Every structure is written in structure tokens, then in C-alpha cells.
PDB file of N, CA and C in Angstrom:
ATOM      1  N   MET A   1     157.887  94.794 -33.118  1.00  0.00           N
ATOM      2  CA  MET A   1     156.865  95.759 -33.491  1.00  0.00           C
ATOM      3  C   MET A   1     157.137  96.305 -34.895  1.00  0.00           C
ATOM      4  N   ASN A   2     158.377  96.601 -35.199  1.00  0.00           N
ATOM      5  CA  ASN A   2     158.750  97.162 -36.487  1.00  0.00           C
ATOM      6  C   ASN A   2     158.514  96.147 -37.612  1.00  0.00           C
ATOM      7  N   ASP A   3     158.794  94.859 -37.347  1.00  0.00           N
ATOM      8  CA  ASP A   3     158.572  93.815 -38.341  1.00  0.00           C
ATOM      9  C   ASP A   3     157.088  93.664 -38.658  1.00  0.00           C
ATOM     10  N   GLN A   4     156.255  93.799 -37.660  1.00  0.00           N
ATOM     11  CA  GLN A   4     154.817  93.674 -37.866  1.00  0.00           C
ATOM     12  C   GLN A   4     154.285  94.813 -38.745  1.00  0.00           C
ATOM     13  N   ILE A   5     154.818  95.989 -38.597  1.00  0.00           N
ATOM     14  CA  ILE A   5     154.398  97.121 -39.424  1.00  0.00           C
ATOM     15  C   ILE A   5     154.792  96.887 -40.877  1.00  0.00           C
ATOM     16  N   ILE A   6     155.999  96.354 -41.094  1.00  0.00           N
ATOM     17  CA  ILE A   6     156.456  96.080 -42.459  1.00  0.00           C
ATOM     18  C   ILE A   6     155.590  95.005 -43.102  1.00  0.00           C
ATOM     19  N   ILE A   7     155.272  93.942 -42.361  1.00  0.00           N
ATOM     20  CA  ILE A   7     154.431  92.865 -42.880  1.00  0.00           C
ATOM     21  C   ILE A   7     153.035  93.395 -43.190  1.00  0.00           C
ATOM     22  N   ALA A   8     152.475  94.189 -42.298  1.00  0.00           N
ATOM     23  CA  ALA A   8     151.138  94.752 -42.507  1.00  0.00           C
ATOM     24  C   ALA A   8     151.123  95.673 -43.734  1.00  0.00           C
ATOM     25  N   ALA A   9     152.142  96.490 -43.892  1.00  0.00           N
ATOM     26  CA  ALA A   9     152.219  97.398 -45.036  1.00  0.00           C
ATOM     27  C   ALA A   9     152.352  96.614 -46.334  1.00  0.00           C
ATOM     28  N   THR A  10     153.108  95.536 -46.307  1.00  0.00           N
ATOM     29  CA  THR A  10     153.269  94.697 -47.494  1.00  0.00           C
ATOM     30  C   THR A  10     151.943  94.034 -47.868  1.00  0.00           C
ATOM     31  N   ILE A  11     151.230  93.544 -46.866  1.00  0.00           N
ATOM     32  CA  ILE A  11     149.938  92.902 -47.117  1.00  0.00           C
ATOM     33  C   ILE A  11     148.944  93.910 -47.686  1.00  0.00           C
ATOM     34  N   VAL A  12     148.897  95.089 -47.111  1.00  0.00           N
ATOM     35  CA  VAL A  12     147.972  96.118 -47.598  1.00  0.00           C
ATOM     36  C   VAL A  12     148.332  96.535 -49.026  1.00  0.00           C
ATOM     37  N   THR A  13     149.605  96.670 -49.309  1.00  0.00           N
ATOM     38  CA  THR A  13     150.044  97.031 -50.661  1.00  0.00           C
ATOM     39  C   THR A  13     149.678  95.933 -51.653  1.00  0.00           C
ATOM     40  N   GLY A  14     149.931  94.686 -51.298  1.00  0.00           N
ATOM     41  CA  GLY A  14     149.584  93.562 -52.173  1.00  0.00           C
ATOM     42  C   GLY A  14     148.088  93.480 -52.418  1.00  0.00           C
ATOM     43  N   LEU A  15     147.311  93.676 -51.371  1.00  0.00           N
ATOM     44  CA  LEU A  15     145.856  93.651 -51.506  1.00  0.00           C
ATOM     45  C   LEU A  15     145.384  94.793 -52.408  1.00  0.00           C
ATOM     46  N   GLY A  16     146.004  95.946 -52.275  1.00  0.00           N
ATOM     47  CA  GLY A  16     145.655  97.080 -53.129  1.00  0.00           C
ATOM     48  C   GLY A  16     145.965  96.801 -54.586  1.00  0.00           C
ATOM     49  N   LEU A  17     147.109  96.163 -54.858  1.00  0.00           N
ATOM     50  CA  LEU A  17     147.468  95.814 -56.232  1.00  0.00           C
ATOM     51  C   LEU A  17     146.486  94.799 -56.821  1.00  0.00           C
ATOM     52  N   VAL A  18     146.113  93.810 -56.039  1.00  0.00           N
ATOM     53  CA  VAL A  18     145.154  92.815 -56.509  1.00  0.00           C
ATOM     54  C   VAL A  18     143.811  93.485 -56.802  1.00  0.00           C
ATOM     55  N   ALA A  19     143.395  94.411 -55.946  1.00  0.00           N
ATOM     56  CA  ALA A  19     142.131  95.119 -56.165  1.00  0.00           C
ATOM     57  C   ALA A  19     142.198  95.965 -57.435  1.00  0.00           C
ATOM     58  N   LEU A  20     143.310  96.623 -57.687  1.00  0.00           N
ATOM     59  CA  LEU A  20     143.455  97.432 -58.901  1.00  0.00           C
ATOM     60  C   LEU A  20     143.432  96.572 -60.158  1.00  0.00           C
ATOM     61  N   ILE A  21     144.095  95.426 -60.105  1.00  0.00           N
ATOM     62  CA  ILE A  21     144.101  94.517 -61.253  1.00  0.00           C
ATOM     63  C   ILE A  21     142.687  93.994 -61.518  1.00  0.00           C
ATOM     64  N   ALA A  22     141.982  93.627 -60.453  1.00  0.00           N
ATOM     65  CA  ALA A  22     140.610  93.138 -60.611  1.00  0.00           C
ATOM     66  C   ALA A  22     139.706  94.240 -61.167  1.00  0.00           C
ATOM     67  N   LEU A  23     139.878  95.464 -60.708  1.00  0.00           N
ATOM     68  CA  LEU A  23     139.083  96.582 -61.208  1.00  0.00           C
ATOM     69  C   LEU A  23     139.353  96.837 -62.682  1.00  0.00           C
ATOM     70  N   ARG A  24     140.596  96.768 -63.075  1.00  0.00           N
ATOM     71  CA  ARG A  24     140.949  96.970 -64.486  1.00  0.00           C
ATOM     72  C   ARG A  24     140.338  95.868 -65.357  1.00  0.00           C
ATOM     73  N   GLY A  25     140.372  94.642 -64.873  1.00  0.00           N
ATOM     74  CA  GLY A  25     139.749  93.543 -65.604  1.00  0.00           C
ATOM     75  C   GLY A  25     138.243  93.721 -65.728  1.00  0.00           C
ATOM     76  N   TRP A  26     137.607  94.146 -64.656  1.00  0.00           N
ATOM     77  CA  TRP A  26     136.157  94.390 -64.658  1.00  0.00           C
ATOM     78  C   TRP A  26     135.806  95.486 -65.653  1.00  0.00           C
ATOM     79  N   LEU A  27     136.554  96.564 -65.661  1.00  0.00           N
ATOM     80  CA  LEU A  27     136.288  97.663 -66.588  1.00  0.00           C
ATOM     81  C   LEU A  27     136.505  97.225 -68.033  1.00  0.00           C
ATOM     82  N   GLY A  28     137.499  96.382 -68.268  1.00  0.00           N
ATOM     83  CA  GLY A  28     137.722  95.852 -69.601  1.00  0.00           C
ATOM     84  C   GLY A  28     136.576  94.968 -70.054  1.00  0.00           C
ATOM     85  N   TRP A  29     136.055  94.144 -69.142  1.00  0.00           N
ATOM     86  CA  TRP A  29     134.924  93.284 -69.463  1.00  0.00           C
ATOM     87  C   TRP A  29     133.691  94.120 -69.783  1.00  0.00           C
ATOM     88  N   LEU A  30     133.454  95.172 -68.994  1.00  0.00           N
ATOM     89  CA  LEU A  30     132.320  96.053 -69.262  1.00  0.00           C
ATOM     90  C   LEU A  30     132.459  96.748 -70.615  1.00  0.00           C
ATOM     91  N   ALA A  31     133.658  97.177 -70.954  1.00  0.00           N
ATOM     92  CA  ALA A  31     133.890  97.817 -72.249  1.00  0.00           C
ATOM     93  C   ALA A  31     133.620  96.829 -73.383  1.00  0.00           C
ATOM     94  N   LEU A  32     134.025  95.580 -73.196  1.00  0.00           N
ATOM     95  CA  LEU A  32     133.771  94.550 -74.208  1.00  0.00           C
ATOM     96  C   LEU A  32     132.273  94.352 -74.409  1.00  0.00           C
ATOM     97  N   LYS A  33     131.530  94.238 -73.332  1.00  0.00           N
ATOM     98  CA  LYS A  33     130.084  94.046 -73.429  1.00  0.00           C
ATOM     99  C   LYS A  33     129.414  95.263 -74.059  1.00  0.00           C
ATOM    100  N   GLU A  34     129.902  96.452 -73.758  1.00  0.00           N
ATOM    101  CA  GLU A  34     129.349  97.659 -74.358  1.00  0.00           C
ATOM    102  C   GLU A  34     129.573  97.671 -75.869  1.00  0.00           C
ATOM    103  N   ARG A  35     130.764  97.252 -76.309  1.00  0.00           N
ATOM    104  CA  ARG A  35     131.031  97.165 -77.750  1.00  0.00           C
ATOM    105  C   ARG A  35     130.126  96.131 -78.413  1.00  0.00           C
ATOM    106  N   GLU A  36     129.891  94.994 -77.732  1.00  0.00           N
ATOM    107  CA  GLU A  36     128.997  93.979 -78.286  1.00  0.00           C
ATOM    108  C   GLU A  36     127.585  94.526 -78.447  1.00  0.00           C
ATOM    109  N   LEU A  37     127.103  95.247 -77.442  1.00  0.00           N
ATOM    110  CA  LEU A  37     125.766  95.831 -77.524  1.00  0.00           C
ATOM    111  C   LEU A  37     125.685  96.877 -78.627  1.00  0.00           C
ATOM    112  N   ASP A  38     126.721  97.695 -78.762  1.00  0.00           N
ATOM    113  CA  ASP A  38     126.739  98.695 -79.826  1.00  0.00           C
ATOM    114  C   ASP A  38     126.702  98.033 -81.197  1.00  0.00           C
ATOM    115  N   ARG A  39     127.456  96.954 -81.354  1.00  0.00           N
ATOM    116  CA  ARG A  39     127.477  96.239 -82.629  1.00  0.00           C
ATOM    117  C   ARG A  39     126.121  95.614 -82.924  1.00  0.00           C
ATOM    118  N   MET A  40     125.470  95.069 -81.895  1.00  0.00           N
ATOM    119  CA  MET A  40     124.155  94.464 -82.092  1.00  0.00           C
ATOM    120  C   MET A  40     123.124  95.513 -82.500  1.00  0.00           C
ATOM    121  N   THR A  41     123.116  96.659 -81.847  1.00  0.00           N
ATOM    122  CA  THR A  41     122.147  97.697 -82.194  1.00  0.00           C
ATOM    123  C   THR A  41     122.441  98.271 -83.573  1.00  0.00           C
ATOM    124  N   ALA A  42     123.706  98.359 -83.948  1.00  0.00           N
ATOM    125  CA  ALA A  42     124.052  98.839 -85.291  1.00  0.00           C
ATOM    126  C   ALA A  42     123.561  97.853 -86.338  1.00  0.00           C
ATOM    127  N   ASN A  43     123.663  96.554 -86.070  1.00  0.00           N
ATOM    128  CA  ASN A  43     123.179  95.542 -87.006  1.00  0.00           C
ATOM    129  C   ASN A  43     121.657  95.589 -87.129  1.00  0.00           C
ATOM    130  N   LEU A  44     120.977  95.865 -86.025  1.00  0.00           N
ATOM    131  CA  LEU A  44     119.522  95.905 -86.069  1.00  0.00           C
ATOM    132  C   LEU A  44     119.022  97.115 -86.850  1.00  0.00           C
ATOM    133  N   ARG A  45     119.755  98.207 -86.799  1.00  0.00           N
ATOM    134  CA  ARG A  45     119.358  99.399 -87.540  1.00  0.00           C
ATOM    135  C   ARG A  45     119.601  99.240 -89.035  1.00  0.00           C
ATOM    136  N   GLY A  46     120.651  98.514 -89.380  1.00  0.00           N
ATOM    137  CA  GLY A  46     121.012  98.357 -90.796  1.00  0.00           C
ATOM    138  C   GLY A  46     120.326  97.158 -91.413  1.00  0.00           C
ATOM    139  N   ASN A  47     121.102  96.206 -91.808  1.00  0.00           N
ATOM    140  CA  ASN A  47     120.591  94.990 -92.444  1.00  0.00           C
ATOM    141  C   ASN A  47     119.918  94.102 -91.408  1.00  0.00           C
ATOM    142  N   PRO A  48     118.980  93.235 -91.862  1.00  0.00           N
ATOM    143  CA  PRO A  48     118.384  92.303 -90.894  1.00  0.00           C
ATOM    144  C   PRO A  48     119.451  91.360 -90.338  1.00  0.00           C
ATOM    145  N   ARG A  49     119.392  91.154 -89.055  1.00  0.00           N
ATOM    146  CA  ARG A  49     120.397  90.337 -88.382  1.00  0.00           C
ATOM    147  C   ARG A  49     120.210  88.873 -88.754  1.00  0.00           C
ATOM    148  N   GLU A  50     121.313  88.210 -89.034  1.00  0.00           N
ATOM    149  CA  GLU A  50     121.254  86.792 -89.366  1.00  0.00           C
ATOM    150  C   GLU A  50     121.229  85.962 -88.099  1.00  0.00           C
ATOM    151  N   ILE A  51     120.440  84.920 -88.111  1.00  0.00           N
ATOM    152  CA  ILE A  51     120.336  83.983 -86.995  1.00  0.00           C
ATOM    153  C   ILE A  51     121.259  82.803 -87.310  1.00  0.00           C
ATOM    154  N   GLU A  52     121.319  81.829 -86.437  1.00  0.00           N
ATOM    155  CA  GLU A  52     122.188  80.670 -86.616  1.00  0.00           C
ATOM    156  C   GLU A  52     122.011  80.054 -87.996  1.00  0.00           C
ATOM    157  N   GLY A  53     123.110  79.641 -88.577  1.00  0.00           N
ATOM    158  CA  GLY A  53     123.057  78.981 -89.865  1.00  0.00           C
ATOM    159  C   GLY A  53     122.823  79.919 -91.030  1.00  0.00           C
ATOM    160  N   GLY A  54     122.863  81.214 -90.813  1.00  0.00           N
ATOM    161  CA  GLY A  54     122.694  82.175 -91.886  1.00  0.00           C
ATOM    162  C   GLY A  54     121.252  82.459 -92.246  1.00  0.00           C
ATOM    163  N   ALA A  55     120.288  81.973 -91.469  1.00  0.00           N
ATOM    164  CA  ALA A  55     118.885  82.218 -91.771  1.00  0.00           C
ATOM    165  C   ALA A  55     118.522  83.643 -91.364  1.00  0.00           C
ATOM    166  N   ILE A  56     117.756  84.312 -92.218  1.00  0.00           N
ATOM    167  CA  ILE A  56     117.332  85.659 -91.855  1.00  0.00           C
ATOM    168  C   ILE A  56     116.157  85.573 -90.894  1.00  0.00           C
ATOM    169  N   ALA A  57     115.686  86.712 -90.408  1.00  0.00           N
ATOM    170  CA  ALA A  57     114.679  86.739 -89.349  1.00  0.00           C
ATOM    171  C   ALA A  57     113.394  86.023 -89.740  1.00  0.00           C
ATOM    172  N   GLY A  58     112.934  86.136 -90.997  1.00  0.00           N
ATOM    173  CA  GLY A  58     111.709  85.460 -91.425  1.00  0.00           C
ATOM    174  C   GLY A  58     111.822  83.950 -91.331  1.00  0.00           C
ATOM    175  N   ALA A  59     112.956  83.435 -91.769  1.00  0.00           N
ATOM    176  CA  ALA A  59     113.174  81.991 -91.692  1.00  0.00           C
ATOM    177  C   ALA A  59     113.273  81.546 -90.238  1.00  0.00           C
ATOM    178  N   ALA A  60     113.822  82.395 -89.395  1.00  0.00           N
ATOM    179  CA  ALA A  60     113.932  82.047 -87.978  1.00  0.00           C
ATOM    180  C   ALA A  60     112.547  81.955 -87.351  1.00  0.00           C
ATOM    181  N   ARG A  61     111.630  82.840 -87.775  1.00  0.00           N
ATOM    182  CA  ARG A  61     110.259  82.772 -87.248  1.00  0.00           C
ATOM    183  C   ARG A  61     109.588  81.476 -87.653  1.00  0.00           C
ATOM    184  N   ILE A  62     109.841  81.039 -88.881  1.00  0.00           N
ATOM    185  CA  ILE A  62     109.266  79.774 -89.344  1.00  0.00           C
ATOM    186  C   ILE A  62     109.833  78.616 -88.525  1.00  0.00           C
ATOM    187  N   GLU A  63     111.128  78.650 -88.251  1.00  0.00           N
ATOM    188  CA  GLU A  63     111.741  77.597 -87.441  1.00  0.00           C
ATOM    189  C   GLU A  63     111.157  77.584 -86.036  1.00  0.00           C
ATOM    190  N   ILE A  64     110.920  78.749 -85.460  1.00  0.00           N
ATOM    191  CA  ILE A  64     110.350  78.823 -84.111  1.00  0.00           C
ATOM    192  C   ILE A  64     108.928  78.267 -84.118  1.00  0.00           C
ATOM    193  N   ALA A  65     108.140  78.614 -85.136  1.00  0.00           N
ATOM    194  CA  ALA A  65     106.780  78.088 -85.234  1.00  0.00           C
ATOM    195  C   ALA A  65     106.805  76.566 -85.359  1.00  0.00           C
ATOM    196  N   ASP A  66     107.739  76.044 -86.140  1.00  0.00           N
ATOM    197  CA  ASP A  66     107.874  74.598 -86.294  1.00  0.00           C
ATOM    198  C   ASP A  66     108.221  73.941 -84.963  1.00  0.00           C
ATOM    199  N   LEU A  67     109.130  74.557 -84.224  1.00  0.00           N
ATOM    200  CA  LEU A  67     109.504  74.007 -82.922  1.00  0.00           C
ATOM    201  C   LEU A  67     108.329  74.030 -81.951  1.00  0.00           C
ATOM    202  N   LYS A  68     107.533  75.099 -81.987  1.00  0.00           N
ATOM    203  CA  LYS A  68     106.355  75.168 -81.111  1.00  0.00           C
ATOM    204  C   LYS A  68     105.370  74.062 -81.455  1.00  0.00           C
ATOM    205  N   GLU A  69     105.195  73.803 -82.746  1.00  0.00           N
ATOM    206  CA  GLU A  69     104.294  72.731 -83.174  1.00  0.00           C
ATOM    207  C   GLU A  69     104.805  71.376 -82.698  1.00  0.00           C
ATOM    208  N   ARG A  70     106.090  71.151 -82.795  1.00  0.00           N
ATOM    209  CA  ARG A  70     106.669  69.887 -82.318  1.00  0.00           C
ATOM    210  C   ARG A  70     106.479  69.721 -80.814  1.00  0.00           C
ATOM    211  N   ILE A  71     106.641  70.830 -80.081  1.00  0.00           N
ATOM    212  CA  ILE A  71     106.447  70.762 -78.627  1.00  0.00           C
ATOM    213  C   ILE A  71     105.014  70.392 -78.302  1.00  0.00           C
ATOM    214  N   LYS A  72     104.047  70.990 -79.024  1.00  0.00           N
ATOM    215  CA  LYS A  72     102.641  70.654 -78.783  1.00  0.00           C
ATOM    216  C   LYS A  72     102.377  69.179 -79.042  1.00  0.00           C
ATOM    217  N   LYS A  73     102.969  68.655 -80.122  1.00  0.00           N
ATOM    218  CA  LYS A  73     102.790  67.239 -80.436  1.00  0.00           C
ATOM    219  C   LYS A  73     103.389  66.357 -79.349  1.00  0.00           C
ATOM    220  N   LEU A  74     104.556  66.716 -78.865  1.00  0.00           N
ATOM    221  CA  LEU A  74     105.193  65.921 -77.808  1.00  0.00           C
ATOM    222  C   LEU A  74     104.390  65.991 -76.513  1.00  0.00           C
ATOM    223  N   GLU A  75     103.841  67.176 -76.203  1.00  0.00           N
ATOM    224  CA  GLU A  75     102.999  67.288 -75.001  1.00  0.00           C
ATOM    225  C   GLU A  75     101.750  66.439 -75.142  1.00  0.00           C
ATOM    226  N   ALA A  76     101.162  66.409 -76.358  1.00  0.00           N
ATOM    227  CA  ALA A  76      99.975  65.582 -76.583  1.00  0.00           C
ATOM    228  C   ALA A  76     100.311  64.107 -76.431  1.00  0.00           C
ATOM    229  N   ILE A  77     101.441  63.692 -76.950  1.00  0.00           N
ATOM    230  CA  ILE A  77     101.862  62.296 -76.801  1.00  0.00           C
ATOM    231  C   ILE A  77     102.090  61.956 -75.346  1.00  0.00           C
ATOM    232  N   ALA A  78     102.710  62.885 -74.611  1.00  0.00           N
ATOM    233  CA  ALA A  78     102.974  62.639 -73.193  1.00  0.00           C
ATOM    234  C   ALA A  78     101.701  62.542 -72.376  1.00  0.00           C
ATOM    235  N   SER A  79     100.664  63.304 -72.757  1.00  0.00           N
ATOM    236  CA  SER A  79      99.420  63.264 -71.997  1.00  0.00           C
ATOM    237  C   SER A  79      98.477  62.159 -72.477  1.00  0.00           C
ATOM    238  N   GLY A  80      98.828  61.475 -73.564  1.00  0.00           N
ATOM    239  CA  GLY A  80      98.040  60.354 -74.036  1.00  0.00           C
ATOM    240  C   GLY A  80      96.981  60.746 -75.031  1.00  0.00           C
ATOM    241  N   VAL A  81      96.965  61.962 -75.539  1.00  0.00           N
ATOM    242  CA  VAL A  81      95.989  62.403 -76.529  1.00  0.00           C
ATOM    243  C   VAL A  81      96.479  61.976 -77.903  1.00  0.00           C
ATOM    244  N   ASP A  82      95.556  61.417 -78.685  1.00  0.00           N
ATOM    245  CA  ASP A  82      95.933  60.985 -80.043  1.00  0.00           C
ATOM    246  C   ASP A  82      95.655  62.114 -81.023  1.00  0.00           C
ATOM    247  N   LEU A  83      96.660  62.445 -81.840  1.00  0.00           N
ATOM    248  CA  LEU A  83      96.504  63.532 -82.816  1.00  0.00           C
ATOM    249  C   LEU A  83      95.948  63.009 -84.082  1.00  0.00           C
TER     250      LEU A  83
END
């Protein structure tokens, strides 16, 4: 009976430690994401945010419009419509 109590107490203690470590990791991850969001909002308030390849927002809009046009052309080709 005494051995079972020691084993149970050890298991509960180990489980508690694992839960605390997981909680600390979760809180650290949340803090990281909060810092990322703060940095993103600070960038949006200040200078225009750069998109991939160093293109500013205006150039990114042009790239998106170009991609939409390409998609329309591919859909037309897939449906058999001649442009």
C-alpha cells in the first residue's frame, strides 16, 4: 500500500511538471505572436510595408492584378473559349 502511494505521488508530480513546462511554452509562443502582431501594426502605421522581393504595396497590387488576369486566361483555356 505504501509503495503504491509513492508511485502515485511521483506520477502526479511528474505530470504536474510536464503541464507547467507545456504552459510556459504556450505562454512564450503567445508572447512571440503578440510581438509579431505589434511589429506588423507598427510597420503599417509608419512606412508602407514591403511585400516579397522588396516590392512596395502598389507594385504588389499590380502583381495581383496580373495573376488574376493569368487565372482568367487559364480558366478560358480550360473551358475551351478562345481569347
